[in-house]
Amino acid sequence: MKDLEVEADDLAKAWMAARPSADWLVAYDVHRCCGGGAICSVTVRALSARDRRDDYARATLPGGMRLLVDGRAAKRMPASFGLTVRGRGPLKHLDLVLSGEQWGELLYS
């Protein structure tokens, strides 16, 4: 799998510093709905014990923090992307910074 470059903005760096984790993960899930269509979702979260590291591409932030990317998503993502914080209050979360075209490639290809 290819190595990816990721640039986290100040909000994302502060978010990750406040929630220590050895590694962070870009998780990619595909669910089938009752009509047979695929619903894809992408989340950025801390790595859990049940995640298998072999299934992920690696990305390193400039500060040395590691980010793992689901192999299915890594094939569709640009070689370089951003990381930021979105949402308010309890709904705040880490999110990818991608153009509309890049989101389309990731979720619908």
N, C-alpha and C. Protein backbone atom coordinates (compact mmCIF):
# COMPACT_ATOMS: atom_id res chain seq x y z
N MET A 1 0.82 -1.18 0.00
CA MET A 1 0.00 0.00 0.00
C MET A 1 0.87 1.25 0.00
N LYS A 2 0.33 2.29 -0.61
CA LYS A 2 1.10 3.53 -0.71
C LYS A 2 1.14 4.28 0.62
N ASP A 3 2.23 5.01 0.83
CA ASP A 3 2.32 5.89 1.99
C ASP A 3 1.66 7.22 1.62
N LEU A 4 0.95 7.79 2.56
CA LEU A 4 0.21 9.02 2.32
C LEU A 4 0.78 10.16 3.14
N GLU A 5 0.61 11.37 2.65
CA GLU A 5 1.03 12.56 3.38
C GLU A 5 -0.22 13.24 3.92
N VAL A 6 -0.18 13.60 5.19
CA VAL A 6 -1.32 14.29 5.79
C VAL A 6 -0.84 15.52 6.55
N GLU A 7 -1.58 16.60 6.40
CA GLU A 7 -1.26 17.85 7.09
C GLU A 7 -2.43 18.19 8.00
N ALA A 8 -2.20 18.19 9.30
CA ALA A 8 -3.24 18.52 10.27
C ALA A 8 -3.19 20.02 10.58
N ASP A 9 -4.35 20.66 10.61
CA ASP A 9 -4.37 22.07 10.99
C ASP A 9 -4.26 22.17 12.52
N ASP A 10 -4.19 23.39 13.04
CA ASP A 10 -4.00 23.60 14.47
C ASP A 10 -5.12 23.00 15.31
N LEU A 11 -6.36 23.08 14.81
CA LEU A 11 -7.49 22.49 15.54
C LEU A 11 -7.32 20.97 15.68
N ALA A 12 -6.93 20.31 14.61
CA ALA A 12 -6.75 18.86 14.63
C ALA A 12 -5.60 18.47 15.55
N LYS A 13 -4.51 19.22 15.51
CA LYS A 13 -3.37 18.93 16.38
C LYS A 13 -3.77 19.04 17.85
N ALA A 14 -4.53 20.08 18.19
CA ALA A 14 -4.98 20.27 19.57
C ALA A 14 -5.94 19.16 19.98
N TRP A 15 -6.82 18.76 19.08
CA TRP A 15 -7.77 17.67 19.35
C TRP A 15 -7.04 16.37 19.66
N MET A 16 -6.06 16.04 18.85
CA MET A 16 -5.31 14.80 19.05
C MET A 16 -4.44 14.86 20.30
N ALA A 17 -3.88 16.02 20.59
CA ALA A 17 -3.05 16.17 21.79
C ALA A 17 -3.87 16.00 23.06
N ALA A 18 -5.13 16.44 23.02
CA ALA A 18 -6.01 16.33 24.19
C ALA A 18 -6.57 14.92 24.37
N ARG A 19 -6.44 14.08 23.35
CA ARG A 19 -6.94 12.71 23.39
C ARG A 19 -5.81 11.77 22.95
N PRO A 20 -4.88 11.53 23.85
CA PRO A 20 -3.71 10.73 23.47
C PRO A 20 -4.07 9.33 22.96
N SER A 21 -3.46 8.98 21.86
CA SER A 21 -3.62 7.65 21.27
C SER A 21 -2.31 7.32 20.57
N ALA A 22 -1.92 6.07 20.61
CA ALA A 22 -0.69 5.67 19.93
C ALA A 22 -0.81 5.92 18.43
N ASP A 23 -1.97 5.60 17.88
CA ASP A 23 -2.22 5.78 16.45
C ASP A 23 -3.66 6.23 16.24
N TRP A 24 -3.87 6.94 15.14
CA TRP A 24 -5.19 7.35 14.73
C TRP A 24 -5.52 6.61 13.45
N LEU A 25 -6.80 6.46 13.15
CA LEU A 25 -7.24 5.62 12.04
C LEU A 25 -8.28 6.34 11.20
N VAL A 26 -8.13 6.28 9.89
CA VAL A 26 -9.19 6.68 8.97
C VAL A 26 -9.93 5.39 8.63
N ALA A 27 -11.11 5.22 9.24
CA ALA A 27 -11.89 4.00 9.05
C ALA A 27 -12.86 4.19 7.88
N TYR A 28 -13.05 3.14 7.10
CA TYR A 28 -13.91 3.16 5.92
C TYR A 28 -14.88 2.00 6.05
N ASP A 29 -16.16 2.29 6.08
CA ASP A 29 -17.17 1.24 6.23
C ASP A 29 -18.14 1.29 5.06
N VAL A 30 -18.56 0.13 4.60
CA VAL A 30 -19.55 0.01 3.54
C VAL A 30 -20.69 -0.84 4.08
N HIS A 31 -21.89 -0.29 4.04
CA HIS A 31 -23.09 -1.01 4.49
C HIS A 31 -24.04 -1.10 3.31
N ARG A 32 -24.76 -2.19 3.22
CA ARG A 32 -25.77 -2.34 2.18
C ARG A 32 -27.14 -2.00 2.76
N CYS A 33 -27.90 -1.23 2.02
CA CYS A 33 -29.25 -0.91 2.49
C CYS A 33 -30.22 -1.93 1.90
N CYS A 34 -31.47 -1.85 2.31
CA CYS A 34 -32.45 -2.87 1.91
C CYS A 34 -32.66 -2.92 0.40
N GLY A 35 -32.43 -1.83 -0.31
CA GLY A 35 -32.60 -1.81 -1.76
C GLY A 35 -31.36 -2.29 -2.51
N GLY A 36 -30.31 -2.68 -1.79
CA GLY A 36 -29.10 -3.19 -2.42
C GLY A 36 -28.03 -2.15 -2.66
N GLY A 37 -28.33 -0.88 -2.41
CA GLY A 37 -27.35 0.18 -2.60
C GLY A 37 -26.29 0.15 -1.52
N ALA A 38 -25.15 0.72 -1.81
CA ALA A 38 -24.05 0.78 -0.85
C ALA A 38 -24.02 2.14 -0.17
N ILE A 39 -23.87 2.14 1.15
CA ILE A 39 -23.72 3.37 1.91
C ILE A 39 -22.31 3.35 2.50
N CYS A 40 -21.48 4.28 2.07
CA CYS A 40 -20.09 4.34 2.53
C CYS A 40 -19.96 5.44 3.58
N SER A 41 -19.14 5.18 4.58
CA SER A 41 -18.88 6.21 5.59
C SER A 41 -17.39 6.21 5.93
N VAL A 42 -16.90 7.39 6.24
CA VAL A 42 -15.50 7.57 6.60
C VAL A 42 -15.46 8.28 7.95
N THR A 43 -14.72 7.72 8.90
CA THR A 43 -14.55 8.36 10.20
C THR A 43 -13.07 8.36 10.56
N VAL A 44 -12.67 9.35 11.33
CA VAL A 44 -11.31 9.42 11.84
C VAL A 44 -11.42 9.21 13.34
N ARG A 45 -10.75 8.18 13.86
CA ARG A 45 -10.88 7.82 15.27
C ARG A 45 -9.58 7.23 15.78
N ALA A 46 -9.52 7.04 17.09
CA ALA A 46 -8.36 6.39 17.69
C ALA A 46 -8.37 4.91 17.31
N LEU A 47 -7.20 4.34 17.17
CA LEU A 47 -7.06 2.92 16.84
C LEU A 47 -7.54 2.10 18.03
N SER A 48 -8.33 1.06 17.77
CA SER A 48 -8.80 0.19 18.86
C SER A 48 -8.04 -1.13 18.83
N ALA A 49 -8.19 -1.91 19.88
CA ALA A 49 -7.49 -3.19 20.00
C ALA A 49 -7.92 -4.18 18.93
N ARG A 50 -9.13 -4.07 18.43
CA ARG A 50 -9.61 -5.04 17.43
C ARG A 50 -9.22 -4.68 15.99
N ASP A 51 -8.64 -3.51 15.78
CA ASP A 51 -8.19 -3.12 14.45
C ASP A 51 -6.88 -3.84 14.13
N ARG A 52 -6.80 -4.42 12.93
CA ARG A 52 -5.59 -5.11 12.49
C ARG A 52 -4.72 -4.14 11.70
N ARG A 53 -3.54 -3.84 12.20
CA ARG A 53 -2.64 -2.86 11.57
C ARG A 53 -2.24 -3.25 10.14
N ASP A 54 -2.24 -4.53 9.82
CA ASP A 54 -1.83 -4.98 8.48
C ASP A 54 -2.79 -4.54 7.39
N ASP A 55 -4.01 -4.17 7.76
CA ASP A 55 -5.03 -3.80 6.78
C ASP A 55 -4.98 -2.33 6.39
N TYR A 56 -3.99 -1.59 6.89
CA TYR A 56 -3.99 -0.14 6.72
C TYR A 56 -2.72 0.39 6.07
N ALA A 57 -2.92 1.46 5.27
CA ALA A 57 -1.79 2.21 4.73
C ALA A 57 -1.32 3.17 5.82
N ARG A 58 -0.10 3.64 5.72
CA ARG A 58 0.46 4.51 6.75
C ARG A 58 0.61 5.94 6.24
N ALA A 59 0.32 6.85 7.16
CA ALA A 59 0.56 8.28 6.90
C ALA A 59 1.18 8.84 8.17
N THR A 60 2.09 9.77 8.01
CA THR A 60 2.74 10.39 9.16
C THR A 60 2.53 11.89 9.11
N LEU A 61 2.12 12.44 10.24
CA LEU A 61 1.97 13.88 10.35
C LEU A 61 3.35 14.48 10.61
N PRO A 62 3.55 15.74 10.27
CA PRO A 62 4.85 16.38 10.46
C PRO A 62 5.43 16.24 11.88
N GLY A 63 4.60 16.19 12.91
CA GLY A 63 5.09 16.05 14.28
C GLY A 63 5.47 14.63 14.66
N GLY A 64 5.32 13.70 13.72
CA GLY A 64 5.68 12.31 13.99
C GLY A 64 4.51 11.43 14.38
N MET A 65 3.33 12.01 14.61
CA MET A 65 2.16 11.23 14.96
C MET A 65 1.74 10.38 13.75
N ARG A 66 1.33 9.15 14.02
CA ARG A 66 0.97 8.24 12.93
C ARG A 66 -0.54 8.22 12.71
N LEU A 67 -0.90 8.08 11.45
CA LEU A 67 -2.28 7.95 11.05
C LEU A 67 -2.35 6.74 10.13
N LEU A 68 -3.22 5.80 10.42
CA LEU A 68 -3.41 4.64 9.57
C LEU A 68 -4.67 4.86 8.74
N VAL A 69 -4.67 4.40 7.51
CA VAL A 69 -5.80 4.60 6.60
C VAL A 69 -6.25 3.25 6.07
N ASP A 70 -7.54 2.97 6.21
CA ASP A 70 -8.11 1.72 5.70
C ASP A 70 -7.66 1.53 4.25
N GLY A 71 -7.21 0.34 3.93
CA GLY A 71 -6.67 0.05 2.60
C GLY A 71 -7.66 0.33 1.48
N ARG A 72 -8.95 0.08 1.71
CA ARG A 72 -9.96 0.35 0.68
C ARG A 72 -10.06 1.84 0.41
N ALA A 73 -9.93 2.66 1.45
CA ALA A 73 -9.99 4.11 1.27
C ALA A 73 -8.69 4.62 0.68
N ALA A 74 -7.56 4.06 1.09
CA ALA A 74 -6.25 4.53 0.62
C ALA A 74 -6.14 4.43 -0.89
N LYS A 75 -6.76 3.42 -1.50
CA LYS A 75 -6.71 3.26 -2.96
C LYS A 75 -7.43 4.39 -3.67
N ARG A 76 -8.40 5.02 -3.00
CA ARG A 76 -9.23 6.04 -3.62
C ARG A 76 -8.84 7.46 -3.21
N MET A 77 -7.99 7.59 -2.21
CA MET A 77 -7.65 8.91 -1.68
C MET A 77 -6.48 9.54 -2.42
N PRO A 78 -6.42 10.88 -2.39
CA PRO A 78 -5.24 11.53 -2.98
C PRO A 78 -4.00 11.23 -2.12
N ALA A 79 -2.83 11.37 -2.70
CA ALA A 79 -1.58 11.06 -1.98
C ALA A 79 -1.36 12.03 -0.81
N SER A 80 -1.97 13.19 -0.85
CA SER A 80 -1.82 14.19 0.20
C SER A 80 -3.20 14.75 0.54
N PHE A 81 -3.51 14.84 1.83
CA PHE A 81 -4.81 15.37 2.25
C PHE A 81 -4.66 16.04 3.61
N GLY A 82 -5.69 16.74 4.03
CA GLY A 82 -5.66 17.46 5.29
C GLY A 82 -6.53 16.81 6.35
N LEU A 83 -6.35 17.27 7.58
CA LEU A 83 -7.11 16.78 8.72
C LEU A 83 -7.52 18.01 9.54
N THR A 84 -8.79 18.07 9.96
CA THR A 84 -9.30 19.19 10.74
C THR A 84 -10.34 18.71 11.73
N VAL A 85 -10.91 19.62 12.49
CA VAL A 85 -11.99 19.31 13.43
C VAL A 85 -13.26 19.98 12.92
N ARG A 86 -14.35 19.24 12.92
CA ARG A 86 -15.65 19.77 12.49
C ARG A 86 -16.68 19.47 13.57
N GLY A 87 -17.80 20.15 13.52
CA GLY A 87 -18.89 19.92 14.46
C GLY A 87 -18.83 20.87 15.64
N ARG A 88 -19.85 20.74 16.51
CA ARG A 88 -19.94 21.59 17.70
C ARG A 88 -20.25 20.74 18.91
N GLY A 89 -19.79 21.22 20.04
CA GLY A 89 -20.10 20.55 21.32
C GLY A 89 -19.76 19.08 21.29
N PRO A 90 -20.70 18.23 21.72
CA PRO A 90 -20.43 16.79 21.78
C PRO A 90 -20.32 16.14 20.40
N LEU A 91 -20.67 16.87 19.36
CA LEU A 91 -20.59 16.33 17.99
C LEU A 91 -19.27 16.68 17.31
N LYS A 92 -18.34 17.32 18.00
CA LYS A 92 -17.03 17.62 17.42
C LYS A 92 -16.30 16.32 17.11
N HIS A 93 -15.61 16.33 15.99
CA HIS A 93 -14.88 15.13 15.57
C HIS A 93 -13.78 15.51 14.58
N LEU A 94 -12.80 14.62 14.45
CA LEU A 94 -11.78 14.79 13.42
C LEU A 94 -12.40 14.45 12.07
N ASP A 95 -11.97 15.17 11.05
CA ASP A 95 -12.51 14.94 9.71
C ASP A 95 -11.42 15.21 8.68
N LEU A 96 -11.60 14.62 7.51
CA LEU A 96 -10.68 14.82 6.40
C LEU A 96 -10.97 16.14 5.70
N VAL A 97 -9.93 16.74 5.15
CA VAL A 97 -10.08 17.93 4.32
C VAL A 97 -9.83 17.48 2.88
N LEU A 98 -10.92 17.36 2.13
CA LEU A 98 -10.88 16.93 0.74
C LEU A 98 -11.78 17.84 -0.08
N SER A 99 -11.48 17.97 -1.35
CA SER A 99 -12.35 18.72 -2.25
C SER A 99 -13.60 17.88 -2.52
N GLY A 100 -14.62 18.50 -3.09
CA GLY A 100 -15.84 17.76 -3.43
C GLY A 100 -15.56 16.60 -4.38
N GLU A 101 -14.69 16.85 -5.33
CA GLU A 101 -14.32 15.81 -6.29
C GLU A 101 -13.60 14.64 -5.59
N GLN A 102 -12.73 14.96 -4.64
CA GLN A 102 -12.00 13.93 -3.90
C GLN A 102 -12.94 13.13 -3.01
N TRP A 103 -13.92 13.80 -2.38
CA TRP A 103 -14.93 13.07 -1.58
C TRP A 103 -15.72 12.15 -2.49
N GLY A 104 -16.10 12.62 -3.67
CA GLY A 104 -16.84 11.78 -4.61
C GLY A 104 -16.06 10.54 -5.00
N GLU A 105 -14.78 10.71 -5.27
CA GLU A 105 -13.92 9.56 -5.62
C GLU A 105 -13.84 8.58 -4.47
N LEU A 106 -13.72 9.09 -3.26
CA LEU A 106 -13.59 8.24 -2.07
C LEU A 106 -14.87 7.47 -1.78
N LEU A 107 -16.00 8.14 -1.85
CA LEU A 107 -17.25 7.51 -1.42
C LEU A 107 -18.03 6.81 -2.53
N TYR A 108 -17.85 7.21 -3.78
CA TYR A 108 -18.73 6.69 -4.83
C TYR A 108 -18.03 5.93 -5.94
N SER A 109 -16.74 5.74 -5.87
CA SER A 109 -16.03 4.99 -6.92
C SER A 109 -16.01 3.52 -6.62
